[in-house]
């Protein structure tokens, strides 16, 4: 997972997506006033995942009349593979579009224009929300991993108890000793035993 982006770490490297030249010019000026570095400006989100992989921006800003399906799909790919804080400026206040954009990974959905003095606070909020969400995902993944490891240990103990006629404590101590002898984690040894048992039927 990417390290947290800190709002105070300027200049932020921004990837700008805006199909309208006039709007983009105003937004570029506002971003520069806010102390940002624009690493690229593109008029379409068509190759957005590729650009993010290549440029590794700190923040993505999209300025669009309304987010279309292709844009949202590209944002979903970014959220899955290389998550970044995303700010979307739009004139579309349709609740379905807002929910779709948030599900796609948009950190801040801003309707009806932009004032330059609002840009820095909006970016800070988007980054804070993004970092909070990433921390929640990491905590969830850790909890799921720990649960999976506990299940592997329980299954491995069950296998040894059935095959060797050991008590639960004896099976656990055998796994623990095997892990220590191999210099491995208990969960890894348990998982290997479960996998081998499943392979041999």
N, C-alpha and C. Protein backbone atom coordinates (compact mmCIF):
# COMPACT_ATOMS: atom_id res chain seq x y z
N UNK A 1 0.84 -1.19 0.00
CA UNK A 1 0.00 0.00 0.00
C UNK A 1 0.88 1.24 0.00
N UNK A 2 0.43 2.31 -0.66
CA UNK A 2 1.20 3.53 -0.71
C UNK A 2 1.31 4.17 0.66
N UNK A 3 2.48 4.84 0.96
CA UNK A 3 2.58 5.55 2.23
C UNK A 3 1.60 6.71 2.25
N UNK A 4 1.16 7.11 3.46
CA UNK A 4 0.20 8.20 3.54
C UNK A 4 0.72 9.48 2.90
N UNK A 5 -0.18 10.20 2.24
CA UNK A 5 0.15 11.51 1.68
C UNK A 5 -0.17 12.54 2.75
N UNK A 6 0.75 13.43 3.03
CA UNK A 6 0.53 14.45 4.05
C UNK A 6 0.21 15.79 3.39
N UNK A 7 -0.89 16.43 3.81
CA UNK A 7 -1.27 17.72 3.21
C UNK A 7 -0.16 18.75 3.28
N UNK A 8 0.70 18.67 4.30
CA UNK A 8 1.75 19.67 4.45
C UNK A 8 2.92 19.44 3.52
N UNK A 9 2.94 18.28 2.87
CA UNK A 9 4.07 17.96 2.00
C UNK A 9 3.87 18.58 0.62
N UNK A 10 4.24 19.83 0.49
CA UNK A 10 4.16 20.50 -0.78
C UNK A 10 5.57 20.72 -1.31
N UNK A 11 5.78 20.80 -2.63
CA UNK A 11 4.68 20.80 -3.60
C UNK A 11 4.10 19.41 -3.85
N UNK A 12 2.79 19.31 -3.76
CA UNK A 12 2.11 18.08 -4.14
C UNK A 12 2.20 17.91 -5.65
N UNK A 13 2.43 16.68 -6.07
CA UNK A 13 2.51 16.39 -7.50
C UNK A 13 1.11 15.99 -7.96
N UNK A 14 0.53 16.80 -8.83
CA UNK A 14 -0.88 16.65 -9.22
C UNK A 14 -1.00 16.24 -10.68
N UNK A 15 -1.85 15.23 -10.91
CA UNK A 15 -2.24 14.86 -12.28
C UNK A 15 -3.61 15.46 -12.53
N UNK A 16 -3.70 16.32 -13.53
CA UNK A 16 -4.93 17.05 -13.83
C UNK A 16 -5.60 16.47 -15.06
N UNK A 17 -6.90 16.20 -14.93
CA UNK A 17 -7.71 15.72 -16.06
C UNK A 17 -8.83 16.72 -16.28
N UNK A 18 -8.79 17.40 -17.44
CA UNK A 18 -9.80 18.42 -17.74
C UNK A 18 -9.90 18.55 -19.26
N UNK A 19 -11.10 18.34 -19.77
CA UNK A 19 -11.29 18.35 -21.22
C UNK A 19 -11.47 19.76 -21.78
N UNK A 20 -11.67 20.75 -20.92
CA UNK A 20 -11.91 22.11 -21.37
C UNK A 20 -10.70 22.98 -21.11
N UNK A 21 -10.17 23.59 -22.14
CA UNK A 21 -8.93 24.36 -22.04
C UNK A 21 -9.08 25.53 -21.06
N UNK A 22 -10.21 26.26 -21.17
CA UNK A 22 -10.39 27.44 -20.33
C UNK A 22 -10.45 27.06 -18.85
N UNK A 23 -11.22 26.01 -18.54
CA UNK A 23 -11.32 25.57 -17.15
C UNK A 23 -9.96 25.10 -16.65
N UNK A 24 -9.25 24.36 -17.49
CA UNK A 24 -7.96 23.83 -17.10
C UNK A 24 -6.97 24.95 -16.80
N UNK A 25 -7.01 26.00 -17.58
CA UNK A 25 -6.10 27.13 -17.36
C UNK A 25 -6.34 27.77 -16.00
N UNK A 26 -7.61 27.94 -15.65
CA UNK A 26 -7.94 28.51 -14.35
C UNK A 26 -7.51 27.59 -13.21
N UNK A 27 -7.75 26.29 -13.41
CA UNK A 27 -7.41 25.33 -12.37
C UNK A 27 -5.89 25.21 -12.19
N UNK A 28 -5.17 25.24 -13.30
CA UNK A 28 -3.71 25.21 -13.22
C UNK A 28 -3.19 26.39 -12.42
N UNK A 29 -3.74 27.57 -12.70
CA UNK A 29 -3.32 28.77 -11.99
C UNK A 29 -3.60 28.64 -10.49
N UNK A 30 -4.77 28.12 -10.16
CA UNK A 30 -5.14 27.94 -8.75
C UNK A 30 -4.23 26.91 -8.08
N UNK A 31 -3.91 25.84 -8.78
CA UNK A 31 -3.03 24.81 -8.22
C UNK A 31 -1.63 25.36 -7.98
N UNK A 32 -1.13 26.13 -8.93
CA UNK A 32 0.19 26.72 -8.76
C UNK A 32 0.21 27.70 -7.59
N UNK A 33 -0.86 28.48 -7.44
CA UNK A 33 -0.96 29.40 -6.30
C UNK A 33 -0.99 28.64 -4.98
N UNK A 34 -1.55 27.41 -5.02
CA UNK A 34 -1.62 26.59 -3.81
C UNK A 34 -0.33 25.84 -3.55
N UNK A 35 0.66 26.05 -4.41
CA UNK A 35 1.96 25.42 -4.20
C UNK A 35 2.11 24.03 -4.77
N UNK A 36 1.27 23.68 -5.74
CA UNK A 36 1.31 22.33 -6.33
C UNK A 36 2.15 22.31 -7.59
N UNK A 37 2.63 21.13 -7.92
CA UNK A 37 3.34 20.90 -9.18
C UNK A 37 2.47 20.02 -10.06
N UNK A 38 2.12 20.48 -11.24
CA UNK A 38 1.28 19.71 -12.16
C UNK A 38 2.20 18.83 -12.99
N UNK A 39 2.14 17.53 -12.75
CA UNK A 39 3.04 16.61 -13.45
C UNK A 39 2.53 16.31 -14.86
N UNK A 40 1.22 16.46 -15.07
CA UNK A 40 0.65 16.26 -16.40
C UNK A 40 -0.77 16.80 -16.42
N UNK A 41 -1.17 17.28 -17.61
CA UNK A 41 -2.55 17.67 -17.84
C UNK A 41 -3.04 16.93 -19.07
N UNK A 42 -4.10 16.15 -18.91
CA UNK A 42 -4.67 15.41 -20.03
C UNK A 42 -6.14 15.78 -20.15
N UNK A 43 -6.65 15.66 -21.36
CA UNK A 43 -8.04 16.06 -21.61
C UNK A 43 -9.01 14.89 -21.47
N UNK A 44 -8.46 13.68 -21.31
CA UNK A 44 -9.31 12.49 -21.23
C UNK A 44 -8.80 11.55 -20.16
N UNK A 45 -9.71 10.80 -19.57
CA UNK A 45 -9.32 9.81 -18.56
C UNK A 45 -9.05 8.45 -19.17
N UNK A 46 -8.97 8.38 -20.49
CA UNK A 46 -8.87 7.09 -21.19
C UNK A 46 -7.70 6.25 -20.71
N UNK A 47 -6.52 6.86 -20.53
CA UNK A 47 -5.34 6.09 -20.11
C UNK A 47 -4.91 6.49 -18.72
N UNK A 48 -5.87 6.83 -17.89
CA UNK A 48 -5.54 7.32 -16.56
C UNK A 48 -4.77 6.31 -15.72
N UNK A 49 -5.17 5.03 -15.68
CA UNK A 49 -4.38 4.08 -14.89
C UNK A 49 -2.92 3.99 -15.34
N UNK A 50 -2.70 4.03 -16.65
CA UNK A 50 -1.34 3.98 -17.17
C UNK A 50 -0.54 5.20 -16.77
N UNK A 51 -1.17 6.37 -16.82
CA UNK A 51 -0.49 7.61 -16.43
C UNK A 51 -0.14 7.62 -14.95
N UNK A 52 -1.06 7.12 -14.14
CA UNK A 52 -0.80 7.07 -12.71
C UNK A 52 0.38 6.14 -12.42
N UNK A 53 0.42 5.00 -13.10
CA UNK A 53 1.53 4.06 -12.92
C UNK A 53 2.85 4.69 -13.34
N UNK A 54 2.81 5.49 -14.40
CA UNK A 54 4.04 6.09 -14.92
C UNK A 54 4.49 7.29 -14.09
N UNK A 55 3.56 8.17 -13.75
CA UNK A 55 3.91 9.44 -13.12
C UNK A 55 3.88 9.41 -11.60
N UNK A 56 3.11 8.49 -11.04
CA UNK A 56 2.98 8.35 -9.58
C UNK A 56 2.67 9.68 -8.90
N UNK A 57 1.56 10.31 -9.28
CA UNK A 57 1.21 11.59 -8.66
C UNK A 57 0.76 11.40 -7.22
N UNK A 58 0.86 12.48 -6.43
CA UNK A 58 0.36 12.45 -5.05
C UNK A 58 -1.16 12.60 -5.02
N UNK A 59 -1.71 13.25 -6.04
CA UNK A 59 -3.13 13.60 -6.05
C UNK A 59 -3.63 13.64 -7.49
N UNK A 60 -4.86 13.20 -7.72
CA UNK A 60 -5.49 13.28 -9.03
C UNK A 60 -6.66 14.25 -8.93
N UNK A 61 -6.72 15.20 -9.86
CA UNK A 61 -7.85 16.14 -9.91
C UNK A 61 -8.55 15.99 -11.26
N UNK A 62 -9.85 15.74 -11.22
CA UNK A 62 -10.65 15.65 -12.43
C UNK A 62 -11.66 16.78 -12.42
N UNK A 63 -11.73 17.50 -13.53
CA UNK A 63 -12.71 18.58 -13.71
C UNK A 63 -13.57 18.18 -14.90
N UNK A 64 -14.84 17.89 -14.64
CA UNK A 64 -15.70 17.36 -15.69
C UNK A 64 -17.13 17.83 -15.49
N UNK A 65 -17.87 17.92 -16.59
CA UNK A 65 -19.28 18.29 -16.49
C UNK A 65 -20.04 17.23 -15.71
N UNK A 66 -19.73 15.96 -16.03
CA UNK A 66 -20.37 14.84 -15.35
C UNK A 66 -19.50 13.60 -15.54
N UNK A 67 -19.25 12.85 -14.49
CA UNK A 67 -18.41 11.66 -14.63
C UNK A 67 -19.12 10.56 -15.42
N UNK A 68 -18.49 10.12 -16.52
CA UNK A 68 -19.12 9.06 -17.32
C UNK A 68 -18.66 7.69 -16.84
N UNK A 69 -19.23 6.66 -17.42
CA UNK A 69 -18.96 5.30 -16.97
C UNK A 69 -17.49 4.92 -17.16
N UNK A 70 -16.91 5.31 -18.31
CA UNK A 70 -15.51 4.97 -18.56
C UNK A 70 -14.59 5.60 -17.52
N UNK A 71 -14.87 6.85 -17.17
CA UNK A 71 -14.06 7.53 -16.15
C UNK A 71 -14.15 6.80 -14.82
N UNK A 72 -15.36 6.44 -14.43
CA UNK A 72 -15.56 5.76 -13.16
C UNK A 72 -14.89 4.39 -13.16
N UNK A 73 -14.94 3.70 -14.30
CA UNK A 73 -14.28 2.39 -14.38
C UNK A 73 -12.76 2.54 -14.24
N UNK A 74 -12.20 3.58 -14.86
CA UNK A 74 -10.76 3.83 -14.74
C UNK A 74 -10.38 4.16 -13.30
N UNK A 75 -11.24 4.91 -12.63
CA UNK A 75 -10.97 5.24 -11.24
C UNK A 75 -11.03 4.00 -10.36
N UNK A 76 -11.93 3.07 -10.68
CA UNK A 76 -11.99 1.80 -9.95
C UNK A 76 -10.70 1.02 -10.09
N UNK A 77 -10.13 1.03 -11.29
CA UNK A 77 -8.85 0.34 -11.53
C UNK A 77 -7.75 0.97 -10.69
N UNK A 78 -7.73 2.30 -10.64
CA UNK A 78 -6.72 3.00 -9.84
C UNK A 78 -6.90 2.69 -8.36
N UNK A 79 -8.14 2.72 -7.89
CA UNK A 79 -8.39 2.42 -6.47
C UNK A 79 -7.90 1.02 -6.12
N UNK A 80 -8.07 0.08 -7.04
CA UNK A 80 -7.67 -1.30 -6.79
C UNK A 80 -6.16 -1.50 -6.86
N UNK A 81 -5.52 -0.91 -7.87
CA UNK A 81 -4.12 -1.22 -8.16
C UNK A 81 -3.12 -0.22 -7.62
N UNK A 82 -3.46 1.05 -7.59
CA UNK A 82 -2.51 2.09 -7.17
C UNK A 82 -3.28 3.28 -6.59
N UNK A 83 -3.93 3.07 -5.46
CA UNK A 83 -4.82 4.09 -4.90
C UNK A 83 -4.14 5.43 -4.64
N UNK A 84 -4.89 6.48 -4.94
CA UNK A 84 -4.44 7.86 -4.75
C UNK A 84 -5.62 8.69 -4.28
N UNK A 85 -5.36 9.80 -3.57
CA UNK A 85 -6.44 10.74 -3.29
C UNK A 85 -6.95 11.32 -4.62
N UNK A 86 -8.27 11.43 -4.76
CA UNK A 86 -8.87 11.92 -5.99
C UNK A 86 -9.89 13.00 -5.66
N UNK A 87 -9.75 14.16 -6.31
CA UNK A 87 -10.72 15.25 -6.18
C UNK A 87 -11.44 15.39 -7.51
N UNK A 88 -12.77 15.44 -7.47
CA UNK A 88 -13.55 15.60 -8.69
C UNK A 88 -14.39 16.87 -8.59
N UNK A 89 -14.16 17.79 -9.53
CA UNK A 89 -14.98 18.99 -9.67
C UNK A 89 -15.97 18.74 -10.81
N UNK A 90 -17.24 18.98 -10.55
CA UNK A 90 -18.25 18.68 -11.54
C UNK A 90 -19.48 19.56 -11.35
N UNK A 91 -20.33 19.59 -12.36
CA UNK A 91 -21.59 20.31 -12.27
C UNK A 91 -22.76 19.35 -12.06
N UNK A 92 -22.46 18.07 -11.92
CA UNK A 92 -23.50 17.06 -11.80
C UNK A 92 -23.75 16.75 -10.32
N UNK A 93 -24.93 17.15 -9.83
CA UNK A 93 -25.25 16.90 -8.42
C UNK A 93 -26.19 15.72 -8.25
N UNK A 94 -26.29 14.87 -9.28
CA UNK A 94 -27.14 13.69 -9.20
C UNK A 94 -26.60 12.75 -8.12
N UNK A 95 -27.48 12.34 -7.21
CA UNK A 95 -27.03 11.54 -6.07
C UNK A 95 -26.45 10.19 -6.50
N UNK A 96 -27.00 9.61 -7.56
CA UNK A 96 -26.46 8.33 -8.05
C UNK A 96 -25.03 8.48 -8.54
N UNK A 97 -24.77 9.61 -9.24
CA UNK A 97 -23.42 9.86 -9.73
C UNK A 97 -22.46 10.09 -8.57
N UNK A 98 -22.92 10.80 -7.56
CA UNK A 98 -22.07 11.06 -6.40
C UNK A 98 -21.69 9.74 -5.73
N UNK A 99 -22.69 8.88 -5.51
CA UNK A 99 -22.42 7.59 -4.85
C UNK A 99 -21.51 6.72 -5.71
N UNK A 100 -21.72 6.75 -7.02
CA UNK A 100 -20.88 5.95 -7.92
C UNK A 100 -19.44 6.45 -7.88
N UNK A 101 -19.26 7.76 -7.84
CA UNK A 101 -17.92 8.34 -7.79
C UNK A 101 -17.21 7.98 -6.49
N UNK A 102 -17.92 8.06 -5.38
CA UNK A 102 -17.32 7.71 -4.09
C UNK A 102 -16.93 6.23 -4.07
N UNK A 103 -17.81 5.38 -4.61
CA UNK A 103 -17.48 3.94 -4.67
C UNK A 103 -16.26 3.70 -5.55
N UNK A 104 -16.08 4.54 -6.57
CA UNK A 104 -14.95 4.37 -7.49
C UNK A 104 -13.64 4.87 -6.89
N UNK A 105 -13.71 5.55 -5.74
CA UNK A 105 -12.48 5.98 -5.09
C UNK A 105 -12.30 7.47 -4.99
N UNK A 106 -13.30 8.27 -5.37
CA UNK A 106 -13.18 9.72 -5.27
C UNK A 106 -13.22 10.14 -3.80
N UNK A 107 -12.23 10.91 -3.39
CA UNK A 107 -12.13 11.33 -1.99
C UNK A 107 -12.95 12.58 -1.71
N UNK A 108 -13.06 13.46 -2.71
CA UNK A 108 -13.84 14.70 -2.55
C UNK A 108 -14.58 14.97 -3.85
N UNK A 109 -15.89 15.09 -3.76
CA UNK A 109 -16.76 15.34 -4.92
C UNK A 109 -17.33 16.75 -4.74
N UNK A 110 -16.88 17.68 -5.57
CA UNK A 110 -17.21 19.10 -5.40
C UNK A 110 -18.09 19.56 -6.55
N UNK A 111 -19.28 20.05 -6.21
CA UNK A 111 -20.27 20.43 -7.22
C UNK A 111 -20.29 21.95 -7.40
N UNK A 112 -20.48 22.35 -8.66
CA UNK A 112 -20.73 23.75 -9.02
C UNK A 112 -19.55 24.67 -8.77
N UNK A 113 -18.51 24.40 -9.53
CA UNK A 113 -17.44 25.38 -9.63
C UNK A 113 -16.40 25.31 -8.54
N UNK A 114 -15.41 26.17 -8.72
CA UNK A 114 -14.25 26.18 -7.85
C UNK A 114 -13.78 27.60 -7.63
N UNK A 115 -13.54 27.93 -6.38
CA UNK A 115 -12.90 29.18 -6.05
C UNK A 115 -11.48 28.87 -5.60
N UNK A 116 -10.53 29.64 -6.09
CA UNK A 116 -9.13 29.31 -5.84
C UNK A 116 -8.80 29.21 -4.36
N UNK A 117 -9.46 30.06 -3.52
CA UNK A 117 -9.15 30.02 -2.09
C UNK A 117 -9.66 28.75 -1.42
N UNK A 118 -10.58 28.04 -2.09
CA UNK A 118 -11.11 26.79 -1.53
C UNK A 118 -10.27 25.58 -1.92
N UNK A 119 -9.37 25.73 -2.88
CA UNK A 119 -8.68 24.58 -3.44
C UNK A 119 -7.81 23.87 -2.41
N UNK A 120 -6.98 24.63 -1.71
CA UNK A 120 -6.07 24.01 -0.73
C UNK A 120 -6.85 23.25 0.36
N UNK A 121 -7.87 23.84 1.00
CA UNK A 121 -8.64 23.07 1.99
C UNK A 121 -9.30 21.82 1.41
N UNK A 122 -9.80 21.93 0.18
CA UNK A 122 -10.43 20.76 -0.45
C UNK A 122 -9.42 19.64 -0.65
N UNK A 123 -8.22 19.99 -1.10
CA UNK A 123 -7.18 18.98 -1.29
C UNK A 123 -6.77 18.36 0.04
N UNK A 124 -6.65 19.20 1.06
CA UNK A 124 -6.27 18.68 2.38
C UNK A 124 -7.31 17.69 2.90
N UNK A 125 -8.58 18.04 2.74
CA UNK A 125 -9.66 17.15 3.19
C UNK A 125 -9.64 15.84 2.39
N UNK A 126 -9.45 15.95 1.08
CA UNK A 126 -9.41 14.75 0.24
C UNK A 126 -8.28 13.83 0.66
N UNK A 127 -7.11 14.40 0.93
CA UNK A 127 -5.96 13.59 1.35
C UNK A 127 -6.22 12.95 2.70
N UNK A 128 -6.80 13.71 3.62
CA UNK A 128 -7.09 13.17 4.95
C UNK A 128 -8.09 12.02 4.86
N UNK A 129 -9.13 12.19 4.06
CA UNK A 129 -10.12 11.13 3.89
C UNK A 129 -9.49 9.90 3.26
N UNK A 130 -8.65 10.12 2.26
CA UNK A 130 -7.98 9.02 1.58
C UNK A 130 -7.11 8.24 2.56
N UNK A 131 -6.30 8.95 3.34
CA UNK A 131 -5.41 8.28 4.29
C UNK A 131 -6.20 7.51 5.35
N UNK A 132 -7.32 8.09 5.79
CA UNK A 132 -8.15 7.41 6.77
C UNK A 132 -8.73 6.13 6.19
N UNK A 133 -9.19 6.20 4.94
CA UNK A 133 -9.76 5.02 4.29
C UNK A 133 -8.69 3.95 4.09
N UNK A 134 -7.48 4.38 3.68
CA UNK A 134 -6.40 3.40 3.48
C UNK A 134 -6.03 2.73 4.79
N UNK A 135 -6.03 3.50 5.89
CA UNK A 135 -5.72 2.92 7.20
C UNK A 135 -6.78 1.90 7.60
N UNK A 136 -8.05 2.22 7.31
CA UNK A 136 -9.13 1.28 7.61
C UNK A 136 -8.98 0.00 6.79
N UNK A 137 -8.62 0.15 5.51
CA UNK A 137 -8.42 -1.03 4.67
C UNK A 137 -7.27 -1.88 5.20
N UNK A 138 -6.20 -1.22 5.65
CA UNK A 138 -5.05 -1.96 6.17
C UNK A 138 -5.42 -2.70 7.44
N UNK A 139 -6.19 -2.04 8.32
CA UNK A 139 -6.62 -2.70 9.56
C UNK A 139 -7.51 -3.89 9.27
N UNK A 140 -8.41 -3.73 8.28
CA UNK A 140 -9.30 -4.83 7.92
C UNK A 140 -8.51 -6.00 7.34
N UNK A 141 -7.56 -5.69 6.45
CA UNK A 141 -6.75 -6.74 5.85
C UNK A 141 -5.93 -7.47 6.91
N UNK A 142 -5.42 -6.72 7.90
CA UNK A 142 -4.65 -7.33 8.98
C UNK A 142 -5.53 -8.26 9.81
N UNK A 143 -6.74 -7.77 10.13
CA UNK A 143 -7.66 -8.60 10.92
C UNK A 143 -8.05 -9.86 10.17
N UNK A 144 -8.32 -9.72 8.86
CA UNK A 144 -8.69 -10.88 8.06
C UNK A 144 -7.53 -11.87 7.98
N UNK A 145 -6.30 -11.33 7.86
CA UNK A 145 -5.13 -12.19 7.81
C UNK A 145 -4.93 -12.96 9.11
N UNK A 146 -5.13 -12.26 10.24
CA UNK A 146 -4.98 -12.93 11.53
C UNK A 146 -6.03 -14.02 11.71
N UNK A 147 -7.26 -13.74 11.25
CA UNK A 147 -8.33 -14.74 11.35
C UNK A 147 -8.00 -15.96 10.50
N UNK A 148 -7.50 -15.71 9.29
CA UNK A 148 -7.13 -16.81 8.40
C UNK A 148 -6.01 -17.65 9.01
N UNK A 149 -5.04 -16.98 9.64
CA UNK A 149 -3.93 -17.71 10.25
C UNK A 149 -4.42 -18.57 11.41
N UNK A 150 -5.33 -18.03 12.22
CA UNK A 150 -5.86 -18.81 13.33
C UNK A 150 -6.60 -20.05 12.83
N UNK A 151 -7.33 -19.88 11.72
CA UNK A 151 -8.04 -21.02 11.15
C UNK A 151 -7.07 -22.08 10.66
N UNK A 152 -5.95 -21.64 10.05
CA UNK A 152 -4.95 -22.60 9.58
C UNK A 152 -4.34 -23.37 10.75
N UNK A 153 -4.06 -22.67 11.85
CA UNK A 153 -3.48 -23.34 13.02
C UNK A 153 -4.47 -24.35 13.60
N UNK A 154 -5.74 -23.96 13.66
CA UNK A 154 -6.75 -24.88 14.20
C UNK A 154 -6.90 -26.11 13.30
N UNK A 155 -6.87 -25.90 11.99
CA UNK A 155 -7.00 -27.03 11.07
C UNK A 155 -5.79 -27.94 11.17
N UNK A 156 -4.60 -27.33 11.28
CA UNK A 156 -3.38 -28.13 11.38
C UNK A 156 -3.38 -28.95 12.68
N UNK A 157 -3.81 -28.33 13.77
CA UNK A 157 -3.91 -29.07 15.03
C UNK A 157 -4.87 -30.25 14.88
N UNK A 158 -5.99 -30.00 14.21
CA UNK A 158 -6.98 -31.06 14.01
C UNK A 158 -6.41 -32.22 13.22
N UNK A 159 -5.60 -31.90 12.20
CA UNK A 159 -4.98 -32.95 11.39
C UNK A 159 -4.04 -33.80 12.24
N UNK A 160 -3.20 -33.14 13.04
CA UNK A 160 -2.25 -33.89 13.88
C UNK A 160 -2.97 -34.70 14.96
N UNK A 161 -4.02 -34.13 15.52
CA UNK A 161 -4.79 -34.85 16.54
C UNK A 161 -5.42 -36.11 15.95
N UNK A 162 -5.90 -36.00 14.72
CA UNK A 162 -6.54 -37.16 14.08
C UNK A 162 -5.51 -38.20 13.65
N UNK A 163 -4.39 -37.72 13.03
CA UNK A 163 -3.41 -38.65 12.49
C UNK A 163 -2.54 -39.30 13.57
N UNK A 164 -2.19 -38.51 14.60
CA UNK A 164 -1.25 -39.01 15.62
C UNK A 164 -1.93 -39.39 16.94
N UNK A 165 -3.19 -39.06 17.07
CA UNK A 165 -3.87 -39.35 18.33
C UNK A 165 -3.43 -38.44 19.46
N UNK A 166 -2.94 -37.24 19.10
CA UNK A 166 -2.44 -36.31 20.11
C UNK A 166 -3.58 -35.49 20.71
N UNK A 167 -3.31 -34.93 21.87
CA UNK A 167 -4.22 -33.94 22.45
C UNK A 167 -4.03 -32.62 21.72
N UNK A 168 -4.93 -31.68 21.96
CA UNK A 168 -4.81 -30.37 21.32
C UNK A 168 -3.51 -29.68 21.72
N UNK A 169 -3.14 -29.78 23.00
CA UNK A 169 -1.90 -29.14 23.47
C UNK A 169 -0.68 -29.79 22.83
N UNK A 170 -0.69 -31.12 22.71
CA UNK A 170 0.43 -31.82 22.07
C UNK A 170 0.56 -31.42 20.60
N UNK A 171 -0.55 -31.31 19.92
CA UNK A 171 -0.52 -30.91 18.51
C UNK A 171 0.02 -29.48 18.39
N UNK A 172 -0.42 -28.60 19.27
CA UNK A 172 0.05 -27.21 19.23
C UNK A 172 1.54 -27.13 19.49
N UNK A 173 2.02 -27.86 20.50
CA UNK A 173 3.44 -27.83 20.82
C UNK A 173 4.29 -28.40 19.68
N UNK A 174 3.76 -29.40 18.99
CA UNK A 174 4.49 -29.98 17.85
C UNK A 174 4.61 -28.95 16.73
N UNK A 175 3.53 -28.25 16.46
CA UNK A 175 3.58 -27.20 15.45
C UNK A 175 4.55 -26.09 15.85
N UNK A 176 4.49 -25.71 17.10
CA UNK A 176 5.36 -24.65 17.60
C UNK A 176 6.83 -25.05 17.49
N UNK A 177 7.14 -26.29 17.85
CA UNK A 177 8.52 -26.78 17.76
C UNK A 177 8.99 -26.82 16.31
N UNK A 178 8.10 -27.27 15.40
CA UNK A 178 8.46 -27.31 13.98
C UNK A 178 8.75 -25.92 13.45
N UNK A 179 7.96 -24.95 13.89
CA UNK A 179 8.17 -23.57 13.46
C UNK A 179 9.50 -23.04 13.97
N UNK A 180 9.81 -23.33 15.22
CA UNK A 180 11.08 -22.87 15.81
C UNK A 180 12.27 -23.53 15.12
N UNK A 181 12.15 -24.83 14.84
CA UNK A 181 13.25 -25.56 14.19
C UNK A 181 13.52 -25.01 12.79
N UNK A 182 12.46 -24.61 12.10
CA UNK A 182 12.61 -24.10 10.73
C UNK A 182 12.87 -22.60 10.69
N UNK A 183 12.73 -21.95 11.83
CA UNK A 183 12.85 -20.49 11.83
C UNK A 183 11.71 -19.83 11.09
N UNK A 184 10.55 -20.47 11.14
CA UNK A 184 9.37 -19.98 10.43
C UNK A 184 8.29 -19.54 11.42
N UNK A 185 7.28 -18.88 10.91
CA UNK A 185 6.13 -18.50 11.72
C UNK A 185 5.23 -19.71 11.90
N UNK A 186 4.60 -19.78 13.07
CA UNK A 186 3.69 -20.88 13.38
C UNK A 186 2.60 -21.00 12.32
N UNK A 187 2.04 -19.85 11.91
CA UNK A 187 0.96 -19.87 10.92
C UNK A 187 1.43 -20.43 9.58
N UNK A 188 2.69 -20.13 9.21
CA UNK A 188 3.21 -20.63 7.93
C UNK A 188 3.38 -22.15 7.96
N UNK A 189 3.89 -22.66 9.08
CA UNK A 189 4.05 -24.12 9.21
C UNK A 189 2.69 -24.80 9.19
N UNK A 190 1.72 -24.19 9.87
CA UNK A 190 0.37 -24.76 9.89
C UNK A 190 -0.23 -24.77 8.49
N UNK A 191 -0.06 -23.68 7.76
CA UNK A 191 -0.62 -23.59 6.41
C UNK A 191 0.02 -24.64 5.50
N UNK A 192 1.34 -24.85 5.63
CA UNK A 192 2.03 -25.84 4.81
C UNK A 192 1.49 -27.24 5.10
N UNK A 193 1.25 -27.55 6.37
CA UNK A 193 0.72 -28.86 6.73
C UNK A 193 -0.67 -29.06 6.14
N UNK A 194 -1.51 -28.01 6.23
CA UNK A 194 -2.86 -28.09 5.68
C UNK A 194 -2.80 -28.31 4.17
N UNK A 195 -1.93 -27.56 3.49
CA UNK A 195 -1.83 -27.67 2.04
C UNK A 195 -1.33 -29.04 1.61
N UNK A 196 -0.34 -29.56 2.32
CA UNK A 196 0.18 -30.90 1.98
C UNK A 196 -0.88 -31.96 2.19
N UNK A 197 -1.61 -31.85 3.30
CA UNK A 197 -2.68 -32.82 3.60
C UNK A 197 -3.75 -32.78 2.53
N UNK A 198 -4.13 -31.56 2.10
CA UNK A 198 -5.13 -31.44 1.05
C UNK A 198 -4.63 -32.00 -0.28
N UNK A 199 -3.34 -31.78 -0.55
CA UNK A 199 -2.75 -32.28 -1.80
C UNK A 199 -2.74 -33.80 -1.85
N UNK A 200 -2.45 -34.41 -0.71
CA UNK A 200 -2.38 -35.87 -0.66
C UNK A 200 -3.74 -36.52 -0.48
N UNK A 201 -4.75 -35.66 -0.26
CA UNK A 201 -6.11 -36.18 -0.14
C UNK A 201 -6.36 -36.83 1.20
